[in-house]
N, C-alpha and C. Protein backbone atom coordinates (compact mmCIF):
# COMPACT_ATOMS: atom_id res chain seq x y z
N UNK A 1 0.83 -1.19 0.03
CA UNK A 1 0.01 -0.01 -0.02
C UNK A 1 0.84 1.24 -0.01
N UNK A 2 0.48 2.24 -0.80
CA UNK A 2 1.20 3.42 -0.87
C UNK A 2 1.03 4.31 0.39
N UNK A 3 2.13 4.95 0.84
CA UNK A 3 2.05 5.77 2.05
C UNK A 3 1.29 7.04 1.64
N UNK A 4 0.47 7.45 2.65
CA UNK A 4 -0.34 8.69 2.44
C UNK A 4 0.28 9.74 3.43
N UNK A 5 0.14 11.00 3.02
CA UNK A 5 0.69 12.10 3.89
C UNK A 5 -0.45 13.03 4.21
N UNK A 6 -0.78 13.22 5.48
CA UNK A 6 -1.91 14.04 5.96
C UNK A 6 -1.46 15.05 6.95
N UNK A 7 -2.20 16.13 6.99
CA UNK A 7 -2.02 17.21 8.04
C UNK A 7 -3.38 17.46 8.59
N UNK A 8 -3.52 17.55 9.96
CA UNK A 8 -4.75 17.86 10.58
C UNK A 8 -4.76 19.34 11.03
N UNK A 9 -5.80 20.07 10.61
CA UNK A 9 -5.94 21.54 11.01
C UNK A 9 -7.21 21.66 11.85
N UNK A 10 -7.05 22.48 12.89
CA UNK A 10 -8.19 22.73 13.81
C UNK A 10 -8.46 24.18 14.04
N UNK A 11 -7.54 25.05 13.61
CA UNK A 11 -7.72 26.54 13.82
C UNK A 11 -7.57 27.22 12.46
N UNK A 12 -6.57 28.08 12.37
CA UNK A 12 -6.42 28.82 11.12
C UNK A 12 -5.94 27.99 9.97
N UNK A 13 -5.35 26.78 10.23
CA UNK A 13 -4.98 25.97 9.12
C UNK A 13 -6.21 25.47 8.37
N UNK A 14 -7.38 25.40 9.04
CA UNK A 14 -8.59 25.03 8.38
C UNK A 14 -9.00 25.97 7.27
N UNK A 15 -8.89 27.27 7.49
CA UNK A 15 -9.25 28.28 6.53
C UNK A 15 -8.15 28.94 5.82
N UNK A 16 -6.89 28.67 6.27
CA UNK A 16 -5.77 29.25 5.66
C UNK A 16 -4.61 28.30 5.71
N UNK A 17 -4.68 27.11 4.96
CA UNK A 17 -3.62 26.17 5.13
C UNK A 17 -2.23 26.60 4.68
N UNK A 18 -2.17 27.29 3.59
CA UNK A 18 -0.94 27.90 3.11
C UNK A 18 0.00 26.92 2.43
N UNK A 19 -0.44 25.66 2.27
CA UNK A 19 0.39 24.72 1.57
C UNK A 19 -0.50 23.93 0.52
N UNK A 20 0.16 23.45 -0.47
CA UNK A 20 -0.49 22.71 -1.53
C UNK A 20 -1.03 21.38 -0.96
N UNK A 21 -2.27 21.01 -1.38
CA UNK A 21 -2.81 19.77 -0.99
C UNK A 21 -3.67 19.23 -2.10
N UNK A 22 -3.75 17.87 -2.11
CA UNK A 22 -4.51 17.18 -3.17
C UNK A 22 -5.96 16.78 -2.73
N UNK A 23 -6.20 16.88 -1.46
CA UNK A 23 -7.54 16.57 -0.96
C UNK A 23 -7.71 17.26 0.43
N UNK A 24 -8.97 17.60 0.74
CA UNK A 24 -9.29 18.15 2.03
C UNK A 24 -10.59 17.59 2.39
N UNK A 25 -10.69 17.06 3.62
CA UNK A 25 -11.92 16.42 4.12
C UNK A 25 -12.12 16.74 5.57
N UNK A 26 -13.34 16.78 6.01
CA UNK A 26 -13.63 16.89 7.46
C UNK A 26 -13.05 15.65 8.14
N UNK A 27 -12.60 15.86 9.33
CA UNK A 27 -11.97 14.75 10.16
C UNK A 27 -12.16 15.02 11.61
N UNK A 28 -12.02 13.96 12.42
CA UNK A 28 -12.12 14.02 13.86
C UNK A 28 -10.91 13.37 14.47
N UNK A 29 -10.36 14.08 15.52
CA UNK A 29 -9.23 13.51 16.30
C UNK A 29 -9.74 13.30 17.77
N UNK A 30 -9.58 12.12 18.30
CA UNK A 30 -10.02 11.86 19.62
C UNK A 30 -8.87 12.02 20.63
N UNK A 31 -9.19 12.35 21.81
CA UNK A 31 -8.20 12.51 22.92
C UNK A 31 -7.70 13.95 23.04
N UNK A 32 -8.05 14.83 22.12
CA UNK A 32 -7.62 16.22 22.18
C UNK A 32 -8.83 17.14 21.78
N UNK A 33 -8.82 18.33 22.25
CA UNK A 33 -9.88 19.28 21.93
C UNK A 33 -9.31 20.69 21.55
N UNK A 34 -10.01 21.41 20.71
CA UNK A 34 -9.58 22.73 20.32
C UNK A 34 -9.80 23.62 21.51
N UNK A 35 -8.81 24.47 21.75
CA UNK A 35 -8.87 25.39 22.92
C UNK A 35 -8.07 26.67 22.61
N UNK A 36 -8.65 27.75 23.00
CA UNK A 36 -7.88 29.03 22.88
C UNK A 36 -7.00 29.12 24.09
N UNK A 37 -5.90 28.42 24.03
CA UNK A 37 -5.08 28.25 25.27
C UNK A 37 -3.65 28.66 25.17
N UNK A 38 -3.31 29.39 24.06
CA UNK A 38 -1.90 29.78 23.87
C UNK A 38 -1.81 31.28 23.82
N UNK A 39 -0.93 31.85 24.61
CA UNK A 39 -0.66 33.26 24.54
C UNK A 39 0.16 33.54 23.22
N UNK A 40 -0.32 34.37 22.40
CA UNK A 40 0.30 34.64 21.12
C UNK A 40 1.28 35.83 21.35
N UNK A 41 2.55 35.57 21.01
CA UNK A 41 3.62 36.59 21.20
C UNK A 41 4.08 37.07 19.79
N UNK A 42 3.51 36.55 18.70
CA UNK A 42 3.97 36.88 17.32
C UNK A 42 2.85 37.29 16.44
N UNK A 43 1.98 36.32 16.08
CA UNK A 43 0.97 36.53 15.04
C UNK A 43 -0.23 37.37 15.50
N UNK A 44 -0.62 37.18 16.75
CA UNK A 44 -1.84 37.87 17.25
C UNK A 44 -1.63 38.61 18.57
N UNK A 45 -0.32 38.91 18.85
CA UNK A 45 0.00 39.63 20.01
C UNK A 45 1.49 39.80 20.12
N UNK A 46 1.99 40.32 21.24
CA UNK A 46 3.36 40.49 21.54
C UNK A 46 3.68 39.95 22.91
N UNK A 47 4.94 39.75 23.29
CA UNK A 47 5.22 39.33 24.62
C UNK A 47 4.71 40.25 25.71
N UNK A 48 4.72 41.55 25.34
CA UNK A 48 4.29 42.60 26.29
C UNK A 48 2.76 42.65 26.37
N UNK A 49 2.08 42.46 25.27
CA UNK A 49 0.63 42.56 25.13
C UNK A 49 0.15 41.32 24.29
N UNK A 50 0.07 40.15 24.91
CA UNK A 50 -0.23 38.94 24.20
C UNK A 50 -1.74 38.89 23.72
N UNK A 51 -1.89 38.13 22.69
CA UNK A 51 -3.21 37.68 22.26
C UNK A 51 -3.37 36.21 22.63
N UNK A 52 -4.37 35.57 22.01
CA UNK A 52 -4.61 34.16 22.20
C UNK A 52 -4.76 33.47 20.88
N UNK A 53 -4.22 32.23 20.76
CA UNK A 53 -4.47 31.41 19.61
C UNK A 53 -4.80 30.03 20.00
N UNK A 54 -5.25 29.22 19.03
CA UNK A 54 -5.70 27.83 19.27
C UNK A 54 -4.52 26.91 19.52
N UNK A 55 -4.85 25.95 20.33
CA UNK A 55 -3.95 24.79 20.54
C UNK A 55 -4.90 23.53 20.72
N UNK A 56 -4.36 22.38 20.52
CA UNK A 56 -5.00 21.17 20.87
C UNK A 56 -4.53 20.75 22.25
N UNK A 57 -5.56 20.68 23.14
CA UNK A 57 -5.25 20.38 24.52
C UNK A 57 -5.84 19.00 24.93
N UNK A 58 -5.43 18.43 26.00
CA UNK A 58 -5.84 17.08 26.39
C UNK A 58 -7.31 17.02 26.58
N UNK A 59 -7.90 15.87 26.22
CA UNK A 59 -9.25 15.52 26.48
C UNK A 59 -10.20 15.79 25.41
N UNK A 60 -11.29 15.00 25.38
CA UNK A 60 -12.36 15.23 24.43
C UNK A 60 -12.05 14.82 22.98
N UNK A 61 -12.57 15.55 22.05
CA UNK A 61 -12.39 15.26 20.63
C UNK A 61 -12.41 16.59 19.82
N UNK A 62 -11.91 16.61 18.73
CA UNK A 62 -11.85 17.82 17.87
C UNK A 62 -12.21 17.51 16.43
N UNK A 63 -13.23 18.15 15.95
CA UNK A 63 -13.49 18.12 14.47
C UNK A 63 -12.69 19.21 13.82
N UNK A 64 -12.09 18.83 12.76
CA UNK A 64 -11.25 19.79 12.01
C UNK A 64 -11.20 19.35 10.57
N UNK A 65 -10.10 19.69 9.91
CA UNK A 65 -9.88 19.35 8.52
C UNK A 65 -8.62 18.53 8.35
N UNK A 66 -8.70 17.50 7.46
CA UNK A 66 -7.48 16.77 7.18
C UNK A 66 -7.17 17.03 5.73
N UNK A 67 -5.92 17.38 5.50
CA UNK A 67 -5.41 17.73 4.19
C UNK A 67 -4.37 16.64 3.76
N UNK A 68 -4.71 16.09 2.56
CA UNK A 68 -3.75 15.12 2.00
C UNK A 68 -2.75 15.82 1.11
N UNK A 69 -1.48 15.52 1.35
CA UNK A 69 -0.36 16.19 0.60
C UNK A 69 0.27 15.18 -0.26
N UNK A 70 0.57 15.59 -1.45
CA UNK A 70 1.32 14.65 -2.39
C UNK A 70 2.73 14.38 -1.85
N UNK A 71 3.16 13.19 -2.00
CA UNK A 71 4.50 12.76 -1.50
C UNK A 71 5.61 13.69 -1.88
N UNK A 72 5.57 14.13 -3.16
CA UNK A 72 6.62 15.02 -3.61
C UNK A 72 6.64 16.42 -3.01
N UNK A 73 5.49 16.77 -2.34
CA UNK A 73 5.39 18.07 -1.63
C UNK A 73 5.51 17.94 -0.12
N UNK A 74 5.68 16.69 0.35
CA UNK A 74 5.62 16.49 1.83
C UNK A 74 6.77 17.28 2.58
N UNK A 75 7.97 17.09 2.08
CA UNK A 75 9.13 17.84 2.77
C UNK A 75 8.94 19.32 2.83
N UNK A 76 8.51 19.88 1.68
CA UNK A 76 8.27 21.32 1.64
C UNK A 76 7.08 21.75 2.56
N UNK A 77 6.07 20.93 2.66
CA UNK A 77 4.95 21.18 3.52
C UNK A 77 5.39 21.19 4.93
N UNK A 78 6.10 20.16 5.41
CA UNK A 78 6.57 20.09 6.74
C UNK A 78 7.47 21.24 7.10
N UNK A 79 8.34 21.59 6.17
CA UNK A 79 9.26 22.81 6.39
C UNK A 79 8.44 24.03 6.64
N UNK A 80 7.37 24.25 5.75
CA UNK A 80 6.48 25.39 5.88
C UNK A 80 5.83 25.43 7.17
N UNK A 81 5.24 24.25 7.58
CA UNK A 81 4.45 24.22 8.79
C UNK A 81 5.38 24.44 10.06
N UNK A 82 6.53 23.92 10.03
CA UNK A 82 7.50 24.21 11.13
C UNK A 82 7.78 25.66 11.22
N UNK A 83 8.05 26.31 10.06
CA UNK A 83 8.32 27.78 10.11
C UNK A 83 7.11 28.55 10.61
N UNK A 84 5.92 28.15 10.26
CA UNK A 84 4.69 28.81 10.66
C UNK A 84 4.33 28.54 12.06
N UNK A 85 4.24 27.27 12.45
CA UNK A 85 3.73 26.87 13.74
C UNK A 85 4.67 26.87 14.87
N UNK A 86 6.00 26.74 14.52
CA UNK A 86 7.02 26.58 15.60
C UNK A 86 7.85 27.82 15.87
N UNK A 87 7.34 28.97 15.55
CA UNK A 87 8.06 30.25 15.66
C UNK A 87 8.49 30.44 17.11
N UNK A 88 7.74 29.99 18.08
CA UNK A 88 8.15 30.13 19.48
C UNK A 88 8.18 28.72 20.21
N UNK A 89 8.17 27.68 19.39
CA UNK A 89 8.15 26.31 19.93
C UNK A 89 7.14 25.96 20.93
N UNK A 90 5.98 26.54 20.82
CA UNK A 90 4.86 26.26 21.75
C UNK A 90 4.11 25.02 21.49
N UNK A 91 4.29 24.50 20.28
CA UNK A 91 3.59 23.24 19.89
C UNK A 91 4.56 22.05 19.83
N UNK A 92 3.98 20.91 20.10
CA UNK A 92 4.66 19.64 19.92
C UNK A 92 4.20 19.07 18.58
N UNK A 93 5.18 18.82 17.70
CA UNK A 93 4.82 18.17 16.40
C UNK A 93 4.70 16.65 16.56
N UNK A 94 3.49 16.22 16.25
CA UNK A 94 3.19 14.74 16.45
C UNK A 94 2.50 14.19 15.19
N UNK A 95 2.53 12.88 15.15
CA UNK A 95 1.68 12.10 14.23
C UNK A 95 0.64 11.40 15.04
N UNK A 96 -0.65 11.69 14.71
CA UNK A 96 -1.78 11.14 15.48
C UNK A 96 -2.86 10.57 14.53
N UNK A 97 -3.57 9.57 14.91
CA UNK A 97 -4.63 9.02 14.07
C UNK A 97 -5.80 9.99 14.09
N UNK A 98 -6.37 10.15 12.89
CA UNK A 98 -7.60 10.90 12.72
C UNK A 98 -8.61 10.07 11.84
N UNK A 99 -9.85 10.26 12.19
CA UNK A 99 -10.87 9.59 11.38
C UNK A 99 -11.41 10.52 10.28
N UNK A 100 -11.30 10.16 9.05
CA UNK A 100 -11.74 10.95 7.95
C UNK A 100 -13.28 10.83 7.88
N UNK A 101 -13.95 11.95 7.72
CA UNK A 101 -15.42 12.01 7.71
C UNK A 101 -15.85 12.20 6.23
N UNK A 102 -15.33 11.30 5.45
CA UNK A 102 -15.59 11.45 3.93
C UNK A 102 -16.54 10.30 3.48
N UNK A 103 -17.23 9.63 4.41
CA UNK A 103 -18.09 8.54 4.04
C UNK A 103 -17.47 7.17 4.00
N UNK A 104 -16.10 7.12 4.04
CA UNK A 104 -15.38 5.87 3.93
C UNK A 104 -15.02 5.33 5.37
N UNK A 105 -15.28 6.11 6.45
CA UNK A 105 -14.97 5.79 7.83
C UNK A 105 -13.51 5.13 7.93
N UNK A 106 -12.56 5.89 7.56
CA UNK A 106 -11.23 5.39 7.49
C UNK A 106 -10.28 6.20 8.45
N UNK A 107 -9.40 5.55 9.09
CA UNK A 107 -8.35 6.20 9.96
C UNK A 107 -7.09 6.39 9.16
N UNK A 108 -6.51 7.61 9.34
CA UNK A 108 -5.16 7.85 8.78
C UNK A 108 -4.31 8.49 9.84
N UNK A 109 -3.03 8.43 9.69
CA UNK A 109 -2.16 9.15 10.60
C UNK A 109 -1.95 10.55 10.01
N UNK A 110 -1.93 11.57 10.88
CA UNK A 110 -1.81 12.90 10.33
C UNK A 110 -0.83 13.67 11.17
N UNK A 111 -0.05 14.56 10.57
CA UNK A 111 0.79 15.47 11.28
C UNK A 111 -0.07 16.52 11.94
N UNK A 112 0.19 16.77 13.19
CA UNK A 112 -0.62 17.75 13.96
C UNK A 112 0.30 18.44 14.96
N UNK A 113 -0.11 19.69 15.33
CA UNK A 113 0.63 20.45 16.34
C UNK A 113 -0.32 20.60 17.57
N UNK A 114 0.27 20.03 18.63
CA UNK A 114 -0.42 19.94 19.96
C UNK A 114 0.27 20.91 20.95
N UNK A 115 -0.45 21.61 21.77
CA UNK A 115 0.12 22.59 22.69
C UNK A 115 1.08 21.85 23.67
N UNK A 116 2.18 22.47 23.88
CA UNK A 116 3.15 22.00 24.93
C UNK A 116 2.73 22.64 26.25
N UNK A 117 2.17 21.84 27.12
CA UNK A 117 1.64 22.38 28.40
C UNK A 117 2.72 22.87 29.32
N UNK A 118 4.01 22.58 29.02
CA UNK A 118 5.09 23.06 29.87
C UNK A 118 5.67 24.38 29.36
N UNK A 119 5.17 24.80 28.22
CA UNK A 119 5.73 26.05 27.61
C UNK A 119 5.20 27.25 28.31
N UNK A 120 6.02 28.29 28.45
CA UNK A 120 5.58 29.52 29.12
C UNK A 120 4.32 30.22 28.50
N UNK A 121 4.08 29.89 27.22
CA UNK A 121 2.93 30.52 26.49
C UNK A 121 1.61 29.77 26.66
N UNK A 122 1.72 28.67 27.36
CA UNK A 122 0.50 27.84 27.62
C UNK A 122 -0.38 28.58 28.64
N UNK A 123 -1.56 29.06 28.20
CA UNK A 123 -2.49 29.81 29.06
C UNK A 123 -3.35 28.92 29.92
N UNK A 124 -3.50 27.66 29.54
CA UNK A 124 -4.41 26.79 30.29
C UNK A 124 -5.86 27.12 29.98
N UNK A 125 -6.74 26.64 30.88
CA UNK A 125 -8.14 26.82 30.65
C UNK A 125 -8.58 28.21 31.19
N UNK A 126 -9.04 29.08 30.32
CA UNK A 126 -9.42 30.43 30.71
C UNK A 126 -10.89 30.55 30.67
N UNK A 127 -11.50 31.44 31.45
CA UNK A 127 -12.94 31.72 31.36
C UNK A 127 -13.16 32.54 30.13
N UNK A 128 -14.37 32.73 29.70
CA UNK A 128 -14.75 33.59 28.59
C UNK A 128 -14.36 35.02 28.80
N UNK A 129 -14.52 35.50 30.13
CA UNK A 129 -14.18 36.85 30.43
C UNK A 129 -12.59 37.06 30.28
N UNK A 130 -11.87 36.06 30.81
CA UNK A 130 -10.41 36.20 30.63
C UNK A 130 -9.98 36.17 29.20
N UNK A 131 -10.56 35.31 28.45
CA UNK A 131 -10.29 35.26 26.98
C UNK A 131 -10.63 36.60 26.39
N UNK A 132 -11.75 37.13 26.65
CA UNK A 132 -12.24 38.34 26.06
C UNK A 132 -11.22 39.46 26.29
N UNK A 133 -10.77 39.64 27.48
CA UNK A 133 -9.79 40.75 27.79
C UNK A 133 -8.51 40.55 26.98
N UNK A 134 -8.06 39.30 26.86
CA UNK A 134 -6.82 39.05 26.15
C UNK A 134 -6.96 39.17 24.64
N UNK A 135 -8.11 38.69 24.14
CA UNK A 135 -8.37 38.78 22.66
C UNK A 135 -8.48 40.28 22.28
N UNK A 136 -9.23 41.05 23.10
CA UNK A 136 -9.43 42.44 22.70
C UNK A 136 -8.13 43.19 22.66
N UNK A 137 -7.11 42.91 23.54
CA UNK A 137 -5.90 43.64 23.49
C UNK A 137 -4.87 43.11 22.42
N UNK A 138 -5.01 41.86 22.04
CA UNK A 138 -3.99 41.28 21.17
C UNK A 138 -3.92 41.80 19.77
N UNK A 139 -2.72 42.07 19.30
CA UNK A 139 -2.50 42.56 17.92
C UNK A 139 -1.07 42.22 17.63
N UNK A 140 -0.91 41.36 16.59
CA UNK A 140 0.49 40.92 16.16
C UNK A 140 0.72 41.14 14.68
N UNK A 141 1.76 40.53 14.19
CA UNK A 141 2.12 40.71 12.83
C UNK A 141 1.11 40.18 11.84
N UNK A 142 0.17 39.31 12.31
CA UNK A 142 -0.90 38.89 11.38
C UNK A 142 -2.18 39.64 11.56
N UNK A 143 -2.15 40.67 12.46
CA UNK A 143 -3.31 41.42 12.69
C UNK A 143 -4.00 41.24 14.06
N UNK A 144 -5.18 41.80 14.23
CA UNK A 144 -5.83 41.75 15.52
C UNK A 144 -6.28 40.32 15.91
N UNK A 145 -6.12 40.01 17.15
CA UNK A 145 -6.56 38.72 17.65
C UNK A 145 -8.04 38.55 17.49
N UNK A 146 -8.79 39.60 17.63
CA UNK A 146 -10.27 39.49 17.48
C UNK A 146 -10.63 39.02 16.00
N UNK A 147 -9.85 39.36 15.03
CA UNK A 147 -10.11 38.97 13.67
C UNK A 147 -9.86 37.47 13.48
N UNK A 148 -8.80 36.98 14.19
CA UNK A 148 -8.48 35.54 14.16
C UNK A 148 -9.62 34.75 14.76
N UNK A 149 -10.14 35.16 15.90
CA UNK A 149 -11.25 34.53 16.60
C UNK A 149 -12.37 34.48 15.67
N UNK A 150 -12.78 35.64 15.17
CA UNK A 150 -13.95 35.76 14.26
C UNK A 150 -13.83 34.86 13.04
N UNK A 151 -12.65 34.94 12.35
CA UNK A 151 -12.44 34.14 11.19
C UNK A 151 -12.56 32.65 11.49
N UNK A 152 -12.05 32.22 12.60
CA UNK A 152 -12.16 30.82 12.95
C UNK A 152 -13.55 30.41 13.25
N UNK A 153 -14.30 31.22 14.01
CA UNK A 153 -15.70 30.89 14.29
C UNK A 153 -16.50 30.83 13.00
N UNK A 154 -16.35 31.81 12.12
CA UNK A 154 -17.08 31.86 10.92
C UNK A 154 -16.82 30.60 10.05
N UNK A 155 -15.53 30.23 10.00
CA UNK A 155 -15.23 28.99 9.15
C UNK A 155 -15.79 27.76 9.82
N UNK A 156 -15.71 27.68 11.14
CA UNK A 156 -16.21 26.48 11.80
C UNK A 156 -17.75 26.39 11.49
N UNK A 157 -18.44 27.52 11.58
CA UNK A 157 -19.85 27.51 11.29
C UNK A 157 -20.12 27.12 9.88
N UNK A 158 -19.31 27.61 8.93
CA UNK A 158 -19.48 27.31 7.51
C UNK A 158 -19.41 25.84 7.25
N UNK A 159 -18.56 25.11 8.03
CA UNK A 159 -18.40 23.66 7.81
C UNK A 159 -19.24 22.90 8.77
N UNK A 160 -20.16 23.54 9.45
CA UNK A 160 -21.05 22.81 10.40
C UNK A 160 -20.54 22.37 11.75
N UNK A 161 -19.45 23.09 12.22
CA UNK A 161 -18.88 22.71 13.50
C UNK A 161 -19.36 23.74 14.52
N UNK A 162 -19.93 23.30 15.60
CA UNK A 162 -20.42 24.15 16.66
C UNK A 162 -19.43 24.09 17.82
N UNK A 163 -18.84 25.23 18.23
CA UNK A 163 -17.94 25.35 19.35
C UNK A 163 -18.49 26.39 20.21
N UNK A 164 -19.24 25.91 21.31
CA UNK A 164 -20.01 26.85 22.20
C UNK A 164 -19.11 27.89 22.83
N UNK A 165 -17.92 27.47 23.27
CA UNK A 165 -17.04 28.49 23.97
C UNK A 165 -16.52 29.59 23.01
N UNK A 166 -16.12 29.13 21.84
CA UNK A 166 -15.61 30.09 20.83
C UNK A 166 -16.75 31.03 20.35
N UNK A 167 -17.94 30.43 20.17
CA UNK A 167 -19.09 31.24 19.71
C UNK A 167 -19.50 32.26 20.80
N UNK A 168 -19.42 31.83 22.05
CA UNK A 168 -19.78 32.80 23.12
C UNK A 168 -18.72 33.95 23.18
N UNK A 169 -17.48 33.66 22.94
CA UNK A 169 -16.46 34.66 22.96
C UNK A 169 -16.71 35.60 21.67
N UNK A 170 -16.92 35.01 20.58
CA UNK A 170 -17.19 35.70 19.28
C UNK A 170 -18.41 36.72 19.48
N UNK A 171 -19.46 36.21 20.06
CA UNK A 171 -20.68 37.02 20.27
C UNK A 171 -20.40 38.22 21.22
N UNK A 172 -19.54 38.03 22.22
CA UNK A 172 -19.16 39.16 23.12
C UNK A 172 -18.20 40.12 22.48
N UNK A 173 -17.47 39.67 21.48
CA UNK A 173 -16.56 40.56 20.76
C UNK A 173 -17.31 41.49 19.76
N UNK A 174 -18.44 41.02 19.34
CA UNK A 174 -19.25 41.69 18.26
C UNK A 174 -19.90 42.97 18.82
């Protein structure tokens, strides 16, 4: 059997992957959940005035997107993702099983970035009020943190994913 190369996205990778892929399908990863749990020091904030970005944290399950990458593009894709996701080394790069929701009920291994709970930028579980204060202040080289949250919520809704915590935060930002 030919080896397949997959990447799992759960935040901005879902709506802005930034790499060439030959297929995209909804997918679910068990044992981890989407969480606004990382202080952003670059893209959506600064060390002095951080924003918040998504991480996969322990427990639950996460619906997201799985992207299949052609073998000849795999090395370039991994290099791109490392440059994008590992700018402050807050994520652990892992290969984890994901279930593709494409009607074939198939499991594949996918490259994924999981929050490093021991990293100084790990914010942990924050209340909506705590998130709101940080998101409102955050602005980094990719723009306002509020735009990141709104874009993520809109995309999740567009693909039929309901995230009550993110939607509550989005509604309070509006």
